């Protein structure tokens, strides 16, 4: 247990519960961290199997718990499903791969759930001949990532070793 540490207007006392040694961790040290992603993956697989072969959203609704039929607007330039779902880049990416308007997709596993989508309508992007804004956005993005890539390359070249220990507090 640490001595009290003054942090702004409050005191913090740290209590060390575990030290994970360098190298491959023991299963007992990481099983709780692995449990949630494994459970999520298994649940997605079960729901996808239950939804397979269904031809309408109404047929799928009784199969799922807490399921809802939602309407959402999806934009090619966004990773977020507006109106429900959240950050789902893989789901949105699959929707822009020649899914015909009016047809229902097969179940798609996302970050927050399993989705079955019917595209009701689509709006084609207007044609453009002026790419200056797109070019400027890409240049700014590249400049921002270049700094991080340079620092990472310097660290790798210098063979920097991080000797900090990962401490867990309770």
N, C-alpha and C. Protein backbone atom coordinates (compact mmCIF):
# COMPACT_ATOMS: atom_id res chain seq x y z
N UNK A 1 0.86 -1.16 0.00
CA UNK A 1 0.00 0.00 0.00
C UNK A 1 0.91 1.23 0.00
N UNK A 2 0.51 2.21 -0.81
CA UNK A 2 1.35 3.40 -0.92
C UNK A 2 1.01 4.41 0.18
N UNK A 3 1.90 5.36 0.34
CA UNK A 3 1.59 6.50 1.18
C UNK A 3 0.54 7.34 0.45
N UNK A 4 -0.21 8.15 1.16
CA UNK A 4 -1.19 9.01 0.47
C UNK A 4 -0.49 9.96 -0.51
N UNK A 5 -1.08 10.08 -1.69
CA UNK A 5 -0.54 10.95 -2.74
C UNK A 5 -1.56 12.05 -2.98
N UNK A 6 -1.12 13.31 -2.88
CA UNK A 6 -2.01 14.44 -3.10
C UNK A 6 -2.20 14.63 -4.60
N UNK A 7 -3.46 14.58 -5.05
CA UNK A 7 -3.80 14.78 -6.46
C UNK A 7 -4.85 15.88 -6.52
N UNK A 8 -4.42 17.08 -6.91
CA UNK A 8 -5.28 18.26 -6.89
C UNK A 8 -5.84 18.46 -5.49
N UNK A 9 -7.13 18.22 -5.30
CA UNK A 9 -7.74 18.49 -3.99
C UNK A 9 -8.13 17.21 -3.25
N UNK A 10 -7.59 16.07 -3.67
CA UNK A 10 -7.93 14.82 -2.99
C UNK A 10 -6.67 13.96 -2.83
N UNK A 11 -6.75 13.03 -1.90
CA UNK A 11 -5.65 12.11 -1.67
C UNK A 11 -5.98 10.76 -2.30
N UNK A 12 -4.95 10.13 -2.85
CA UNK A 12 -5.09 8.81 -3.47
C UNK A 12 -4.16 7.86 -2.75
N UNK A 13 -4.67 6.68 -2.39
CA UNK A 13 -3.86 5.64 -1.79
C UNK A 13 -3.93 4.43 -2.73
N UNK A 14 -2.78 3.99 -3.22
CA UNK A 14 -2.74 2.87 -4.15
C UNK A 14 -2.50 1.57 -3.38
N UNK A 15 -3.21 0.56 -3.80
CA UNK A 15 -3.07 -0.77 -3.19
C UNK A 15 -2.73 -1.75 -4.31
N UNK A 16 -1.54 -2.29 -4.30
CA UNK A 16 -1.07 -3.21 -5.33
C UNK A 16 -1.67 -4.59 -5.10
N UNK A 17 -2.34 -5.12 -6.14
CA UNK A 17 -2.97 -6.43 -6.00
C UNK A 17 -2.27 -7.50 -6.82
N UNK A 18 -1.52 -7.08 -7.86
CA UNK A 18 -0.92 -8.08 -8.73
C UNK A 18 0.20 -7.45 -9.54
N UNK A 19 1.24 -8.19 -9.79
CA UNK A 19 2.31 -7.79 -10.69
C UNK A 19 2.40 -8.86 -11.76
N UNK A 20 2.27 -8.45 -13.00
CA UNK A 20 2.35 -9.41 -14.10
C UNK A 20 3.77 -9.37 -14.64
N UNK A 21 4.49 -10.49 -14.55
CA UNK A 21 5.87 -10.51 -15.01
C UNK A 21 5.97 -10.38 -16.54
N UNK A 22 7.14 -9.97 -17.00
CA UNK A 22 7.41 -9.83 -18.43
C UNK A 22 7.29 -11.19 -19.10
N UNK A 23 6.87 -11.19 -20.35
CA UNK A 23 6.75 -12.43 -21.11
C UNK A 23 5.30 -12.84 -21.26
N UNK A 24 5.11 -14.06 -21.68
CA UNK A 24 3.75 -14.58 -21.89
C UNK A 24 3.05 -14.69 -20.54
N UNK A 25 1.84 -14.13 -20.46
CA UNK A 25 1.13 -14.18 -19.18
C UNK A 25 0.56 -15.56 -18.89
N UNK A 26 0.34 -15.82 -17.63
CA UNK A 26 -0.33 -17.05 -17.23
C UNK A 26 -1.82 -16.90 -17.53
N UNK A 27 -2.48 -18.02 -17.81
CA UNK A 27 -3.90 -17.99 -18.15
C UNK A 27 -4.73 -17.33 -17.05
N UNK A 28 -4.44 -17.65 -15.81
CA UNK A 28 -5.21 -17.09 -14.70
C UNK A 28 -5.13 -15.57 -14.65
N UNK A 29 -4.01 -15.00 -15.12
CA UNK A 29 -3.84 -13.55 -15.09
C UNK A 29 -4.68 -12.84 -16.15
N UNK A 30 -5.02 -13.53 -17.23
CA UNK A 30 -5.72 -12.87 -18.34
C UNK A 30 -7.10 -13.45 -18.65
N UNK A 31 -7.53 -14.44 -17.90
CA UNK A 31 -8.79 -15.09 -18.27
C UNK A 31 -9.98 -14.14 -18.18
N UNK A 32 -9.99 -13.24 -17.21
CA UNK A 32 -11.10 -12.30 -17.11
C UNK A 32 -11.11 -11.32 -18.29
N UNK A 33 -9.93 -10.94 -18.76
CA UNK A 33 -9.83 -10.05 -19.91
C UNK A 33 -10.27 -10.76 -21.19
N UNK A 34 -10.05 -12.05 -21.26
CA UNK A 34 -10.39 -12.83 -22.45
C UNK A 34 -11.85 -13.26 -22.46
N UNK A 35 -12.47 -13.31 -21.33
CA UNK A 35 -13.83 -13.84 -21.20
C UNK A 35 -14.85 -13.03 -22.00
N UNK A 36 -14.85 -11.71 -21.86
CA UNK A 36 -15.85 -10.89 -22.52
C UNK A 36 -15.76 -10.98 -24.04
N UNK A 37 -14.59 -10.80 -24.66
CA UNK A 37 -14.54 -10.93 -26.13
C UNK A 37 -14.94 -12.33 -26.62
N UNK A 38 -14.55 -13.37 -25.88
CA UNK A 38 -14.91 -14.72 -26.29
C UNK A 38 -16.42 -14.93 -26.19
N UNK A 39 -17.02 -14.44 -25.13
CA UNK A 39 -18.47 -14.55 -24.95
C UNK A 39 -19.21 -13.78 -26.04
N UNK A 40 -18.73 -12.59 -26.34
CA UNK A 40 -19.33 -11.76 -27.38
C UNK A 40 -19.27 -12.46 -28.74
N UNK A 41 -18.15 -13.06 -29.04
CA UNK A 41 -17.97 -13.79 -30.31
C UNK A 41 -18.92 -14.98 -30.39
N UNK A 42 -19.03 -15.71 -29.31
CA UNK A 42 -19.92 -16.89 -29.26
C UNK A 42 -21.38 -16.47 -29.42
N UNK A 43 -21.78 -15.41 -28.73
CA UNK A 43 -23.16 -14.93 -28.84
C UNK A 43 -23.47 -14.49 -30.27
N UNK A 44 -22.54 -13.81 -30.91
CA UNK A 44 -22.74 -13.36 -32.29
C UNK A 44 -22.93 -14.57 -33.20
N UNK A 45 -22.14 -15.59 -33.00
CA UNK A 45 -22.24 -16.80 -33.83
C UNK A 45 -23.61 -17.46 -33.65
N UNK A 46 -24.07 -17.56 -32.40
CA UNK A 46 -25.38 -18.17 -32.12
C UNK A 46 -26.49 -17.36 -32.80
N UNK A 47 -26.47 -16.04 -32.67
CA UNK A 47 -27.51 -15.21 -33.29
C UNK A 47 -27.45 -15.30 -34.81
N UNK A 48 -26.25 -15.32 -35.38
CA UNK A 48 -26.14 -15.41 -36.83
C UNK A 48 -26.72 -16.74 -37.34
N UNK A 49 -26.51 -17.82 -36.59
CA UNK A 49 -27.08 -19.11 -36.97
C UNK A 49 -28.60 -19.08 -36.86
N UNK A 50 -29.14 -18.44 -35.82
CA UNK A 50 -30.59 -18.35 -35.66
C UNK A 50 -31.22 -17.51 -36.76
N UNK A 51 -30.51 -16.50 -37.24
CA UNK A 51 -31.05 -15.59 -38.26
C UNK A 51 -30.89 -16.14 -39.67
N UNK A 52 -30.02 -17.09 -39.86
CA UNK A 52 -29.74 -17.60 -41.20
C UNK A 52 -31.01 -18.19 -41.82
N UNK A 53 -31.21 -17.92 -43.09
CA UNK A 53 -32.34 -18.48 -43.81
C UNK A 53 -33.63 -17.70 -43.68
N UNK A 54 -33.67 -16.70 -42.83
CA UNK A 54 -34.87 -15.87 -42.68
C UNK A 54 -34.95 -14.91 -43.86
N UNK A 55 -36.18 -14.62 -44.30
CA UNK A 55 -36.34 -13.79 -45.49
C UNK A 55 -36.92 -12.41 -45.21
N UNK A 56 -37.29 -12.13 -43.95
CA UNK A 56 -37.81 -10.81 -43.62
C UNK A 56 -37.41 -10.44 -42.19
N UNK A 57 -37.45 -9.15 -41.91
CA UNK A 57 -37.11 -8.68 -40.56
C UNK A 57 -38.14 -9.18 -39.55
N UNK A 58 -39.38 -9.32 -39.96
CA UNK A 58 -40.42 -9.82 -39.06
C UNK A 58 -40.16 -11.26 -38.64
N UNK A 59 -39.56 -12.07 -39.52
CA UNK A 59 -39.20 -13.44 -39.15
C UNK A 59 -38.04 -13.47 -38.18
N UNK A 60 -37.17 -12.51 -38.27
CA UNK A 60 -35.97 -12.47 -37.42
C UNK A 60 -36.30 -11.95 -36.02
N UNK A 61 -37.23 -11.03 -35.92
CA UNK A 61 -37.53 -10.36 -34.65
C UNK A 61 -37.81 -11.33 -33.50
N UNK A 62 -38.63 -12.39 -33.65
CA UNK A 62 -38.86 -13.30 -32.52
C UNK A 62 -37.64 -14.12 -32.11
N UNK A 63 -36.67 -14.24 -32.99
CA UNK A 63 -35.47 -15.05 -32.73
C UNK A 63 -34.53 -14.35 -31.76
N UNK A 64 -34.54 -13.03 -31.74
CA UNK A 64 -33.54 -12.29 -30.97
C UNK A 64 -34.14 -11.70 -29.71
N UNK A 65 -33.33 -11.62 -28.67
CA UNK A 65 -33.77 -11.01 -27.42
C UNK A 65 -33.49 -9.52 -27.48
N UNK A 66 -34.41 -8.73 -27.02
CA UNK A 66 -34.29 -7.27 -27.00
C UNK A 66 -34.04 -6.70 -28.39
N UNK A 67 -34.46 -7.40 -29.41
CA UNK A 67 -34.25 -6.94 -30.77
C UNK A 67 -35.23 -5.86 -31.16
N UNK A 68 -34.80 -4.99 -32.03
CA UNK A 68 -35.63 -3.90 -32.51
C UNK A 68 -35.42 -3.72 -33.99
N UNK A 69 -36.46 -3.25 -34.65
CA UNK A 69 -36.31 -2.84 -36.04
C UNK A 69 -36.17 -1.33 -36.02
N UNK A 70 -35.03 -0.85 -36.45
CA UNK A 70 -34.74 0.58 -36.43
C UNK A 70 -34.52 1.09 -37.84
N UNK A 71 -34.82 2.35 -38.05
CA UNK A 71 -34.47 3.01 -39.30
C UNK A 71 -33.24 3.86 -39.03
N UNK A 72 -32.30 3.83 -39.93
CA UNK A 72 -31.08 4.60 -39.75
C UNK A 72 -30.59 5.11 -41.09
N UNK A 73 -29.92 6.23 -41.04
CA UNK A 73 -29.25 6.76 -42.24
C UNK A 73 -27.79 6.40 -42.14
N UNK A 74 -27.26 5.87 -43.21
CA UNK A 74 -25.86 5.42 -43.23
C UNK A 74 -25.14 6.18 -44.33
N UNK A 75 -23.99 6.73 -43.97
CA UNK A 75 -23.21 7.51 -44.91
C UNK A 75 -21.88 6.81 -45.16
N UNK A 76 -21.45 6.84 -46.41
CA UNK A 76 -20.20 6.21 -46.79
C UNK A 76 -19.02 6.80 -46.02
N UNK A 77 -19.06 8.09 -45.75
CA UNK A 77 -17.94 8.77 -45.10
C UNK A 77 -17.94 8.62 -43.59
N UNK A 78 -18.90 7.88 -43.02
CA UNK A 78 -19.01 7.77 -41.57
C UNK A 78 -18.93 6.30 -41.14
N UNK A 79 -18.33 6.05 -39.99
CA UNK A 79 -18.28 4.70 -39.42
C UNK A 79 -19.44 4.43 -38.49
N UNK A 80 -20.30 5.43 -38.28
CA UNK A 80 -21.35 5.35 -37.28
C UNK A 80 -22.70 5.11 -37.95
N UNK A 81 -23.47 4.18 -37.38
CA UNK A 81 -24.84 3.97 -37.84
C UNK A 81 -25.71 4.95 -37.07
N UNK A 82 -26.20 5.97 -37.76
CA UNK A 82 -27.02 7.00 -37.13
C UNK A 82 -28.37 6.40 -36.75
N UNK A 83 -28.82 6.62 -35.53
CA UNK A 83 -30.11 6.13 -35.09
C UNK A 83 -30.05 4.79 -34.38
N UNK A 84 -28.88 4.29 -34.14
CA UNK A 84 -28.75 3.04 -33.40
C UNK A 84 -27.60 2.21 -33.94
N UNK A 85 -26.85 1.65 -33.06
CA UNK A 85 -25.76 0.78 -33.49
C UNK A 85 -24.40 1.30 -33.11
N UNK A 86 -24.15 2.56 -33.31
CA UNK A 86 -22.86 3.10 -32.92
C UNK A 86 -21.79 2.92 -33.98
N UNK A 87 -20.55 2.80 -33.54
CA UNK A 87 -19.39 2.72 -34.42
C UNK A 87 -19.29 1.33 -35.02
N UNK A 88 -19.63 1.19 -36.29
CA UNK A 88 -19.67 -0.11 -36.97
C UNK A 88 -19.03 -0.02 -38.35
N UNK A 89 -17.71 0.20 -38.43
CA UNK A 89 -17.08 0.37 -39.75
C UNK A 89 -17.19 -0.87 -40.65
N UNK A 90 -17.10 -2.06 -40.10
CA UNK A 90 -17.19 -3.26 -40.94
C UNK A 90 -18.59 -3.44 -41.51
N UNK A 91 -19.60 -3.18 -40.70
CA UNK A 91 -20.99 -3.31 -41.16
C UNK A 91 -21.25 -2.31 -42.28
N UNK A 92 -20.85 -1.07 -42.08
CA UNK A 92 -21.07 -0.04 -43.09
C UNK A 92 -20.29 -0.37 -44.35
N UNK A 93 -19.08 -0.85 -44.20
CA UNK A 93 -18.28 -1.23 -45.36
C UNK A 93 -18.96 -2.31 -46.19
N UNK A 94 -19.56 -3.29 -45.54
CA UNK A 94 -20.25 -4.36 -46.26
C UNK A 94 -21.50 -3.85 -46.98
N UNK A 95 -22.13 -2.82 -46.44
CA UNK A 95 -23.32 -2.27 -47.09
C UNK A 95 -23.00 -1.55 -48.40
N UNK A 96 -21.78 -1.09 -48.54
CA UNK A 96 -21.39 -0.38 -49.75
C UNK A 96 -20.67 -1.30 -50.74
N UNK A 97 -20.98 -2.59 -50.67
CA UNK A 97 -20.39 -3.55 -51.61
C UNK A 97 -21.48 -4.17 -52.46
N UNK A 98 -22.17 -3.33 -53.23
CA UNK A 98 -23.19 -3.76 -54.18
C UNK A 98 -24.35 -4.53 -53.55
N UNK A 99 -24.87 -4.08 -52.43
CA UNK A 99 -26.09 -4.64 -51.87
C UNK A 99 -27.25 -3.95 -52.58
N UNK A 100 -28.07 -4.71 -53.30
CA UNK A 100 -29.15 -4.08 -54.06
C UNK A 100 -30.21 -3.44 -53.15
N UNK A 101 -30.74 -2.31 -53.59
CA UNK A 101 -31.80 -1.63 -52.84
C UNK A 101 -33.02 -2.55 -52.75
N UNK A 102 -33.57 -2.66 -51.54
CA UNK A 102 -34.75 -3.48 -51.32
C UNK A 102 -34.46 -4.90 -50.88
N UNK A 103 -33.23 -5.35 -51.02
CA UNK A 103 -32.91 -6.72 -50.59
C UNK A 103 -32.40 -6.72 -49.15
N UNK A 104 -32.53 -7.85 -48.50
CA UNK A 104 -32.09 -7.99 -47.11
C UNK A 104 -30.71 -8.64 -47.08
N UNK A 105 -29.84 -8.12 -46.25
CA UNK A 105 -28.49 -8.68 -46.13
C UNK A 105 -28.53 -9.96 -45.30
N UNK A 106 -27.47 -10.73 -45.41
CA UNK A 106 -27.28 -11.85 -44.48
C UNK A 106 -26.87 -11.23 -43.15
N UNK A 107 -26.95 -11.96 -42.05
CA UNK A 107 -26.52 -11.39 -40.76
C UNK A 107 -25.04 -10.95 -40.82
N UNK A 108 -24.79 -9.75 -40.33
CA UNK A 108 -23.44 -9.17 -40.33
C UNK A 108 -23.04 -8.92 -38.88
N UNK A 109 -21.90 -9.49 -38.47
CA UNK A 109 -21.42 -9.29 -37.10
C UNK A 109 -20.71 -7.94 -37.02
N UNK A 110 -21.13 -7.13 -36.03
CA UNK A 110 -20.51 -5.84 -35.81
C UNK A 110 -19.91 -5.77 -34.42
N UNK A 111 -19.50 -4.57 -34.02
CA UNK A 111 -18.92 -4.37 -32.69
C UNK A 111 -19.98 -4.45 -31.59
N UNK A 112 -21.18 -3.94 -31.88
CA UNK A 112 -22.21 -3.84 -30.86
C UNK A 112 -23.32 -4.86 -31.01
N UNK A 113 -23.26 -5.70 -32.03
CA UNK A 113 -24.31 -6.69 -32.22
C UNK A 113 -24.25 -7.31 -33.60
N UNK A 114 -25.31 -8.04 -33.92
CA UNK A 114 -25.44 -8.67 -35.23
C UNK A 114 -26.54 -7.91 -35.96
N UNK A 115 -26.28 -7.53 -37.19
CA UNK A 115 -27.20 -6.70 -37.95
C UNK A 115 -27.71 -7.43 -39.18
N UNK A 116 -29.00 -7.23 -39.47
CA UNK A 116 -29.60 -7.62 -40.73
C UNK A 116 -30.25 -6.35 -41.26
N UNK A 117 -29.91 -5.98 -42.48
CA UNK A 117 -30.28 -4.65 -42.98
C UNK A 117 -30.98 -4.76 -44.32
N UNK A 118 -32.01 -3.96 -44.48
CA UNK A 118 -32.67 -3.78 -45.77
C UNK A 118 -32.43 -2.34 -46.18
N UNK A 119 -31.84 -2.15 -47.34
CA UNK A 119 -31.60 -0.80 -47.84
C UNK A 119 -32.87 -0.34 -48.54
N UNK A 120 -33.53 0.67 -47.96
CA UNK A 120 -34.79 1.16 -48.51
C UNK A 120 -34.57 2.10 -49.68
N UNK A 121 -33.54 2.93 -49.59
CA UNK A 121 -33.25 3.85 -50.69
C UNK A 121 -31.79 4.26 -50.59
N UNK A 122 -31.29 4.75 -51.70
CA UNK A 122 -29.91 5.25 -51.68
C UNK A 122 -29.85 6.54 -52.49
N UNK A 123 -28.96 7.39 -52.07
CA UNK A 123 -28.75 8.66 -52.75
C UNK A 123 -27.34 8.64 -53.32
N UNK A 124 -27.26 8.76 -54.61
CA UNK A 124 -25.95 8.78 -55.27
C UNK A 124 -25.23 10.09 -54.92
N UNK A 125 -23.95 10.00 -54.74
CA UNK A 125 -23.15 11.19 -54.46
C UNK A 125 -23.09 12.04 -55.73
N UNK A 126 -23.17 13.35 -55.57
CA UNK A 126 -23.08 14.20 -56.75
C UNK A 126 -21.67 14.12 -57.35
N UNK A 127 -21.62 14.19 -58.65
CA UNK A 127 -20.32 14.17 -59.31
C UNK A 127 -19.59 15.46 -59.01
N UNK A 128 -18.28 15.35 -58.92
CA UNK A 128 -17.48 16.53 -58.63
C UNK A 128 -16.28 16.58 -59.54
N UNK A 129 -15.85 17.77 -59.82
CA UNK A 129 -14.63 17.95 -60.61
C UNK A 129 -13.58 18.68 -59.79
N UNK A 130 -14.01 19.25 -58.66
CA UNK A 130 -13.08 19.99 -57.80
C UNK A 130 -12.72 19.11 -56.59
N UNK A 131 -11.52 18.60 -56.58
CA UNK A 131 -11.07 17.71 -55.51
C UNK A 131 -10.16 18.42 -54.51
N UNK A 132 -10.16 19.75 -54.51
CA UNK A 132 -9.24 20.50 -53.65
C UNK A 132 -9.54 20.26 -52.17
N UNK A 133 -10.81 20.19 -51.77
CA UNK A 133 -11.14 19.96 -50.36
C UNK A 133 -10.72 18.54 -49.94
N UNK A 134 -10.97 17.58 -50.80
CA UNK A 134 -10.57 16.20 -50.50
C UNK A 134 -9.05 16.11 -50.38
N UNK A 135 -8.35 16.75 -51.29
CA UNK A 135 -6.89 16.75 -51.28
C UNK A 135 -6.37 17.38 -49.98
N UNK A 136 -6.97 18.52 -49.58
CA UNK A 136 -6.53 19.21 -48.38
C UNK A 136 -6.77 18.34 -47.13
N UNK A 137 -7.92 17.68 -47.08
CA UNK A 137 -8.24 16.82 -45.94
C UNK A 137 -7.24 15.67 -45.85
N UNK A 138 -6.94 15.05 -46.99
CA UNK A 138 -5.98 13.94 -47.00
C UNK A 138 -4.58 14.41 -46.61
N UNK A 139 -4.18 15.58 -47.08
CA UNK A 139 -2.86 16.10 -46.73
C UNK A 139 -2.76 16.35 -45.23
N UNK A 140 -3.77 16.93 -44.64
CA UNK A 140 -3.77 17.17 -43.19
C UNK A 140 -3.71 15.86 -42.42
N UNK A 141 -4.44 14.89 -42.87
CA UNK A 141 -4.44 13.58 -42.22
C UNK A 141 -3.06 12.94 -42.30
N UNK A 142 -2.44 13.02 -43.47
CA UNK A 142 -1.09 12.46 -43.65
C UNK A 142 -0.06 13.17 -42.78
N UNK A 143 -0.17 14.50 -42.70
CA UNK A 143 0.76 15.25 -41.86
C UNK A 143 0.64 14.82 -40.40
N UNK A 144 -0.60 14.65 -39.94
CA UNK A 144 -0.83 14.25 -38.56
C UNK A 144 -0.27 12.88 -38.25
N UNK A 145 -0.42 11.93 -39.17
CA UNK A 145 0.07 10.58 -38.91
C UNK A 145 1.57 10.47 -39.14
N UNK A 146 2.14 11.34 -39.95
CA UNK A 146 3.57 11.27 -40.24
C UNK A 146 4.41 11.47 -38.99
N UNK A 147 4.01 12.40 -38.13
CA UNK A 147 4.76 12.64 -36.90
C UNK A 147 4.83 11.37 -36.04
N UNK A 148 3.69 10.72 -35.89
CA UNK A 148 3.65 9.49 -35.10
C UNK A 148 4.49 8.39 -35.70
N UNK A 149 4.47 8.29 -37.03
CA UNK A 149 5.27 7.25 -37.71
C UNK A 149 6.77 7.51 -37.56
N UNK A 150 7.16 8.78 -37.61
CA UNK A 150 8.57 9.12 -37.43
C UNK A 150 9.04 8.76 -36.03
N UNK A 151 8.25 9.11 -35.01
CA UNK A 151 8.61 8.80 -33.62
C UNK A 151 8.70 7.29 -33.44
N UNK A 152 7.75 6.54 -33.98
CA UNK A 152 7.79 5.08 -33.85
C UNK A 152 9.04 4.51 -34.52
N UNK A 153 9.36 5.02 -35.70
CA UNK A 153 10.55 4.54 -36.41
C UNK A 153 11.83 4.83 -35.62
N UNK A 154 11.90 6.03 -35.00
CA UNK A 154 13.07 6.37 -34.19
C UNK A 154 13.19 5.45 -32.98
N UNK A 155 12.06 5.14 -32.34
CA UNK A 155 12.09 4.23 -31.18
C UNK A 155 12.55 2.84 -31.59
N UNK A 156 12.04 2.36 -32.73
CA UNK A 156 12.46 1.03 -33.20
C UNK A 156 13.94 1.02 -33.54
N UNK A 157 14.41 2.06 -34.19
CA UNK A 157 15.82 2.13 -34.59
C UNK A 157 16.73 2.23 -33.36
N UNK A 158 16.27 2.94 -32.33
CA UNK A 158 17.07 3.10 -31.12
C UNK A 158 16.96 1.90 -30.20
N UNK A 159 16.09 0.97 -30.52
CA UNK A 159 15.88 -0.24 -29.73
C UNK A 159 15.55 0.12 -28.28
N UNK A 160 14.58 1.02 -28.12
CA UNK A 160 14.15 1.46 -26.80
C UNK A 160 13.38 0.34 -26.13
N UNK A 161 13.71 0.06 -24.87
CA UNK A 161 13.01 -0.97 -24.13
C UNK A 161 12.24 -0.30 -23.00
N UNK A 162 10.97 -0.64 -22.90
CA UNK A 162 10.11 -0.08 -21.86
C UNK A 162 10.19 -1.00 -20.64
N UNK A 163 10.80 -0.53 -19.58
CA UNK A 163 10.98 -1.33 -18.37
C UNK A 163 9.91 -1.07 -17.32
N UNK A 164 8.90 -0.30 -17.70
CA UNK A 164 7.83 -0.05 -16.74
C UNK A 164 7.06 -1.36 -16.50
N UNK A 165 6.57 -1.51 -15.30
CA UNK A 165 5.74 -2.65 -14.97
C UNK A 165 4.28 -2.25 -15.07
N UNK A 166 3.48 -3.17 -15.51
CA UNK A 166 2.04 -2.93 -15.54
C UNK A 166 1.48 -3.30 -14.18
N UNK A 167 0.98 -2.31 -13.48
CA UNK A 167 0.47 -2.53 -12.13
C UNK A 167 -1.04 -2.47 -12.14
N UNK A 168 -1.67 -3.33 -11.41
CA UNK A 168 -3.13 -3.32 -11.27
C UNK A 168 -3.48 -2.86 -9.89
N UNK A 169 -4.38 -1.89 -9.80
CA UNK A 169 -4.81 -1.36 -8.53
C UNK A 169 -6.25 -1.73 -8.27
N UNK A 170 -6.60 -1.84 -7.04
CA UNK A 170 -7.98 -2.16 -6.68
C UNK A 170 -8.56 -1.08 -5.81
